[in-house]
C-alpha atoms as a PDB file:
ATOM      1  CA  UNK A   1      74.541  29.778 106.572  1.00  0.00           C
ATOM      2  CA  UNK A   2      78.182  29.989 107.279  1.00  0.00           C
ATOM      3  CA  UNK A   3      78.978  27.021 105.027  1.00  0.00           C
ATOM      4  CA  UNK A   4      80.129  28.956 101.903  1.00  0.00           C
ATOM      5  CA  UNK A   5      79.999  32.567 103.041  1.00  0.00           C
ATOM      6  CA  UNK A   6      82.775  32.164 105.495  1.00  0.00           C
ATOM      7  CA  UNK A   7      84.891  30.083 103.178  1.00  0.00           C
ATOM      8  CA  UNK A   8      84.475  32.671 100.424  1.00  0.00           C
ATOM      9  CA  UNK A   9      85.405  35.471 102.857  1.00  0.00           C
ATOM     10  CA  UNK A  10      88.422  33.721 104.249  1.00  0.00           C
ATOM     11  CA  UNK A  11      89.717  32.652 100.869  1.00  0.00           C
ATOM     12  CA  UNK A  12      89.501  28.917 101.524  1.00  0.00           C
ATOM     13  CA  UNK A  13      86.669  28.318  99.056  1.00  0.00           C
ATOM     14  CA  UNK A  14      89.101  28.293  96.106  1.00  0.00           C
ATOM     15  CA  UNK A  15      91.215  25.749  97.906  1.00  0.00           C
ATOM     16  CA  UNK A  16      88.156  23.551  98.535  1.00  0.00           C
ATOM     17  CA  UNK A  17      87.004  23.769  94.956  1.00  0.00           C
ATOM     18  CA  UNK A  18      90.450  22.911  93.532  1.00  0.00           C
ATOM     19  CA  UNK A  19      90.175  19.474  95.109  1.00  0.00           C
ATOM     20  CA  UNK A  20      89.290  16.624  92.808  1.00  0.00           C
ATOM     21  CA  UNK A  21      85.596  16.789  93.689  1.00  0.00           C
ATOM     22  CA  UNK A  22      82.666  18.230  91.887  1.00  0.00           C
ATOM     23  CA  UNK A  23      80.664  21.223  93.024  1.00  0.00           C
ATOM     24  CA  UNK A  24      77.769  18.816  93.647  1.00  0.00           C
ATOM     25  CA  UNK A  25      79.804  16.660  96.024  1.00  0.00           C
ATOM     26  CA  UNK A  26      80.938  19.755  97.962  1.00  0.00           C
ATOM     27  CA  UNK A  27      77.287  21.027  98.340  1.00  0.00           C
ATOM     28  CA  UNK A  28      75.968  17.575  99.211  1.00  0.00           C
ATOM     29  CA  UNK A  29      78.884  17.071 101.805  1.00  0.00           C
ATOM     30  CA  UNK A  30      78.132  20.438 103.416  1.00  0.00           C
ATOM     31  CA  UNK A  31      74.293  19.628 103.444  1.00  0.00           C
ATOM     32  CA  UNK A  32      74.898  16.090 104.815  1.00  0.00           C
ATOM     33  CA  UNK A  33      77.096  17.473 107.635  1.00  0.00           C
ATOM     34  CA  UNK A  34      74.515  20.009 108.625  1.00  0.00           C
ATOM     35  CA  UNK A  35      71.786  17.284 108.466  1.00  0.00           C
ATOM     36  CA  UNK A  36      73.722  15.224 110.940  1.00  0.00           C
ATOM     37  CA  UNK A  37      73.450  18.076 113.350  1.00  0.00           C
ATOM     38  CA  UNK A  38      69.664  18.353 112.652  1.00  0.00           C
ATOM     39  CA  UNK A  39      69.292  14.569 113.115  1.00  0.00           C
ATOM     40  CA  UNK A  40      71.315  14.685 116.375  1.00  0.00           C
ATOM     41  CA  UNK A  41      69.163  17.586 117.638  1.00  0.00           C
ATOM     42  CA  UNK A  42      65.930  15.631 116.760  1.00  0.00           C
ATOM     43  CA  UNK A  43      67.428  12.585 118.372  1.00  0.00           C
ATOM     44  CA  UNK A  44      67.765  14.516 121.669  1.00  0.00           C
ATOM     45  CA  UNK A  45      63.947  14.890 121.679  1.00  0.00           C
ATOM     46  CA  UNK A  46      63.349  11.261 121.387  1.00  0.00           C
ATOM     47  CA  UNK A  47      63.924  10.297 125.000  1.00  0.00           C
ATOM     48  CA  UNK A  48      61.289  12.745 126.016  1.00  0.00           C
ATOM     49  CA  UNK A  49      58.769  11.120 123.762  1.00  0.00           C
ATOM     50  CA  UNK A  50      59.749   7.667 125.138  1.00  0.00           C
ATOM     51  CA  UNK A  51      59.288   9.055 128.706  1.00  0.00           C
ATOM     52  CA  UNK A  52      55.850  10.474 127.722  1.00  0.00           C
ATOM     53  CA  UNK A  53      54.972   7.060 126.244  1.00  0.00           C
ATOM     54  CA  UNK A  54      55.908   5.428 129.598  1.00  0.00           C
ATOM     55  CA  UNK A  55      53.617   7.785 131.429  1.00  0.00           C
ATOM     56  CA  UNK A  56      50.548   7.479 129.352  1.00  0.00           C
ATOM     57  CA  UNK A  57      49.536   5.724 126.154  1.00  0.00           C
ATOM     58  CA  UNK A  58      51.106   7.436 123.218  1.00  0.00           C
ATOM     59  CA  UNK A  59      50.034   6.991 119.631  1.00  0.00           C
ATOM     60  CA  UNK A  60      53.309   6.342 117.999  1.00  0.00           C
ATOM     61  CA  UNK A  61      52.346   6.912 114.340  1.00  0.00           C
ATOM     62  CA  UNK A  62      51.736  10.574 114.875  1.00  0.00           C
ATOM     63  CA  UNK A  63      54.939  10.965 116.808  1.00  0.00           C
ATOM     64  CA  UNK A  64      56.916   9.330 114.213  1.00  0.00           C
ATOM     65  CA  UNK A  65      55.085  11.338 111.394  1.00  0.00           C
ATOM     66  CA  UNK A  66      55.992  14.551 113.397  1.00  0.00           C
ATOM     67  CA  UNK A  67      59.620  13.609 113.606  1.00  0.00           C
ATOM     68  CA  UNK A  68      59.745  12.703 109.890  1.00  0.00           C
ATOM     69  CA  UNK A  69      58.112  16.076 109.033  1.00  0.00           C
ATOM     70  CA  UNK A  70      60.560  17.871 111.350  1.00  0.00           C
ATOM     71  CA  UNK A  71      63.432  16.219 109.694  1.00  0.00           C
ATOM     72  CA  UNK A  72      62.152  17.149 106.145  1.00  0.00           C
ATOM     73  CA  UNK A  73      61.508  20.655 107.151  1.00  0.00           C
ATOM     74  CA  UNK A  74      65.049  20.883 108.649  1.00  0.00           C
ATOM     75  CA  UNK A  75      66.391  19.542 105.414  1.00  0.00           C
ATOM     76  CA  UNK A  76      64.625  22.271 103.490  1.00  0.00           C
ATOM     77  CA  UNK A  77      65.879  24.953 106.070  1.00  0.00           C
ATOM     78  CA  UNK A  78      69.471  23.734 105.603  1.00  0.00           C
ATOM     79  CA  UNK A  79      69.223  23.719 101.927  1.00  0.00           C
ATOM     80  CA  UNK A  80      67.958  27.269 101.922  1.00  0.00           C
ATOM     81  CA  UNK A  81      70.817  28.244 104.197  1.00  0.00           C
ATOM     82  CA  UNK A  82      73.393  26.614 101.946  1.00  0.00           C
ATOM     83  CA  UNK A  83      71.816  28.201  98.785  1.00  0.00           C
ATOM     84  CA  UNK A  84      71.853  31.640 100.210  1.00  0.00           C
ATOM     85  CA  UNK A  85      75.370  31.133 101.662  1.00  0.00           C
ATOM     86  CA  UNK A  86      76.698  30.201  98.267  1.00  0.00           C
ATOM     87  CA  UNK A  87      75.459  33.694  97.005  1.00  0.00           C
ATOM     88  CA  UNK A  88      77.349  35.834  99.453  1.00  0.00           C
ATOM     89  CA  UNK A  89      80.601  36.334 101.181  1.00  0.00           C
ATOM     90  CA  UNK A  90      79.046  37.538 104.383  1.00  0.00           C
ATOM     91  CA  UNK A  91      77.671  35.109 106.859  1.00  0.00           C
ATOM     92  CA  UNK A  92      75.658  37.869 108.485  1.00  0.00           C
ATOM     93  CA  UNK A  93      73.988  38.601 105.080  1.00  0.00           C
ATOM     94  CA  UNK A  94      73.490  34.909 104.462  1.00  0.00           C
ATOM     95  CA  UNK A  95      71.861  34.428 107.872  1.00  0.00           C
ATOM     96  CA  UNK A  96      69.601  37.366 107.603  1.00  0.00           C
ATOM     97  CA  UNK A  97      68.503  36.556 103.983  1.00  0.00           C
ATOM     98  CA  UNK A  98      67.864  32.837 104.910  1.00  0.00           C
ATOM     99  CA  UNK A  99      65.917  33.920 108.035  1.00  0.00           C
ATOM    100  CA  UNK A 100      63.986  36.414 105.834  1.00  0.00           C
ATOM    101  CA  UNK A 101      63.251  33.696 103.344  1.00  0.00           C
ATOM    102  CA  UNK A 102      61.938  31.268 105.877  1.00  0.00           C
ATOM    103  CA  UNK A 103      59.957  33.874 107.703  1.00  0.00           C
ATOM    104  CA  UNK A 104      58.412  35.014 104.484  1.00  0.00           C
ATOM    105  CA  UNK A 105      57.401  31.419 103.817  1.00  0.00           C
ATOM    106  CA  UNK A 106      55.839  31.282 107.279  1.00  0.00           C
ATOM    107  CA  UNK A 107      53.934  34.482 107.053  1.00  0.00           C
ATOM    108  CA  UNK A 108      52.532  33.827 103.591  1.00  0.00           C
ATOM    109  CA  UNK A 109      49.261  32.477 104.870  1.00  0.00           C
ATOM    110  CA  UNK A 110      48.802  34.480 108.092  1.00  0.00           C
ATOM    111  CA  UNK A 111      46.677  37.409 106.820  1.00  0.00           C
ATOM    112  CA  UNK A 112      43.853  35.671 104.974  1.00  0.00           C
ATOM    113  CA  UNK A 113      41.876  38.900 104.581  1.00  0.00           C
ATOM    114  CA  UNK A 114      44.793  40.551 102.660  1.00  0.00           C
ATOM    115  CA  UNK A 115      44.698  38.214  99.740  1.00  0.00           C
ATOM    116  CA  UNK A 116      42.091  36.844  97.423  1.00  0.00           C
ATOM    117  CA  UNK A 117      41.031  33.112  97.808  1.00  0.00           C
ATOM    118  CA  UNK A 118      43.097  32.243  94.653  1.00  0.00           C
ATOM    119  CA  UNK A 119      46.392  33.889  96.045  1.00  0.00           C
ATOM    120  CA  UNK A 120      45.645  32.249  99.385  1.00  0.00           C
ATOM    121  CA  UNK A 121      45.567  28.865  97.743  1.00  0.00           C
ATOM    122  CA  UNK A 122      48.855  29.595  95.832  1.00  0.00           C
ATOM    123  CA  UNK A 123      50.495  30.686  99.051  1.00  0.00           C
ATOM    124  CA  UNK A 124      49.332  27.620 100.934  1.00  0.00           C
ATOM    125  CA  UNK A 125      50.850  25.407  98.188  1.00  0.00           C
ATOM    126  CA  UNK A 126      54.293  27.014  98.566  1.00  0.00           C
ATOM    127  CA  UNK A 127      54.395  27.611 102.283  1.00  0.00           C
ATOM    128  CA  UNK A 128      56.771  25.255 104.069  1.00  0.00           C
ATOM    129  CA  UNK A 129      54.876  25.501 107.303  1.00  0.00           C
ATOM    130  CA  UNK A 130      51.519  24.716 105.775  1.00  0.00           C
ATOM    131  CA  UNK A 131      53.012  21.642 104.285  1.00  0.00           C
ATOM    132  CA  UNK A 132      54.347  20.687 107.826  1.00  0.00           C
ATOM    133  CA  UNK A 133      50.827  20.841 109.358  1.00  0.00           C
ATOM    134  CA  UNK A 134      49.826  17.439 108.085  1.00  0.00           C
ATOM    135  CA  UNK A 135      52.924  15.937 109.699  1.00  0.00           C
ATOM    136  CA  UNK A 136      52.184  17.670 112.964  1.00  0.00           C
ATOM    137  CA  UNK A 137      48.695  16.063 112.846  1.00  0.00           C
ATOM    138  CA  UNK A 138      50.188  12.594 112.300  1.00  0.00           C
ATOM    139  CA  UNK A 139      49.525  12.393 108.600  1.00  0.00           C
ATOM    140  CA  UNK A 140      52.195  11.618 105.988  1.00  0.00           C
ATOM    141  CA  UNK A 141      50.942  12.882 102.749  1.00  0.00           C
ATOM    142  CA  UNK A 142      52.929  12.002  99.630  1.00  0.00           C
ATOM    143  CA  UNK A 143      52.330  15.546  98.206  1.00  0.00           C
ATOM    144  CA  UNK A 144      53.912  17.163 101.205  1.00  0.00           C
ATOM    145  CA  UNK A 145      56.796  14.813 101.271  1.00  0.00           C
ATOM    146  CA  UNK A 146      57.408  15.353  97.560  1.00  0.00           C
ATOM    147  CA  UNK A 147      57.097  19.104  98.025  1.00  0.00           C
ATOM    148  CA  UNK A 148      59.670  19.357 100.891  1.00  0.00           C
ATOM    149  CA  UNK A 149      62.050  16.964  99.028  1.00  0.00           C
ATOM    150  CA  UNK A 150      61.708  18.919  95.803  1.00  0.00           C
ATOM    151  CA  UNK A 151      62.266  22.198  97.747  1.00  0.00           C
ATOM    152  CA  UNK A 152      65.464  20.841  99.202  1.00  0.00           C
ATOM    153  CA  UNK A 153      66.673  19.390  95.756  1.00  0.00           C
ATOM    154  CA  UNK A 154      65.901  22.639  94.068  1.00  0.00           C
ATOM    155  CA  UNK A 155      67.907  24.829  96.515  1.00  0.00           C
ATOM    156  CA  UNK A 156      70.843  22.462  96.531  1.00  0.00           C
ATOM    157  CA  UNK A 157      70.770  22.484  92.716  1.00  0.00           C
ATOM    158  CA  UNK A 158      70.868  26.301  92.713  1.00  0.00           C
ATOM    159  CA  UNK A 159      73.724  26.284  95.200  1.00  0.00           C
ATOM    160  CA  UNK A 160      75.630  23.937  92.773  1.00  0.00           C
ATOM    161  CA  UNK A 161      74.954  26.317  89.924  1.00  0.00           C
ATOM    162  CA  UNK A 162      75.988  29.415  91.864  1.00  0.00           C
ATOM    163  CA  UNK A 163      79.350  27.641  92.735  1.00  0.00           C
ATOM    164  CA  UNK A 164      79.708  26.648  89.120  1.00  0.00           C
ATOM    165  CA  UNK A 165      79.165  30.257  87.975  1.00  0.00           C
ATOM    166  CA  UNK A 166      82.407  31.319  89.662  1.00  0.00           C
ATOM    167  CA  UNK A 167      84.415  30.341  86.602  1.00  0.00           C
ATOM    168  CA  UNK A 168      82.353  32.771  84.449  1.00  0.00           C
ATOM    169  CA  UNK A 169      82.844  35.633  87.035  1.00  0.00           C
ATOM    170  CA  UNK A 170      86.586  34.999  87.179  1.00  0.00           C
ATOM    171  CA  UNK A 171      86.568  34.178  90.966  1.00  0.00           C
END
């Protein structure tokens, strides 16, 4: 969430964007760097799974599916943070807005009595966490993978467009 907001606030964004790289390359580089951290954090969990597998028989397919789902969910979270960070100069605002967006996605389907069945189905289709449930159960559904990848690509595309709009704003 600090990726672009802090650079805009400190004035280094202009320096970064005058380098001979495209806005897409800048956004993808920041996303890839953040995903290295997500991957490293998920990698720290792997020894625990191996230790559990040594204590009792562990079905590896659901464990791998869960890790894949967590990685894709993390990719979407990082993309959301980068997109919101590109919109503001305040890392606090970027953090709060990203957190709000992700919590909103999580809470969409909590109160089933507050929405009609049609709205509930719509909310389930756009909820990141409902898409993750199949991974948590050990199922890798193509629709869920495609949704999470499209979510990530859409938000990264929007971040590129927000950065590209700076030439029209005169900043």
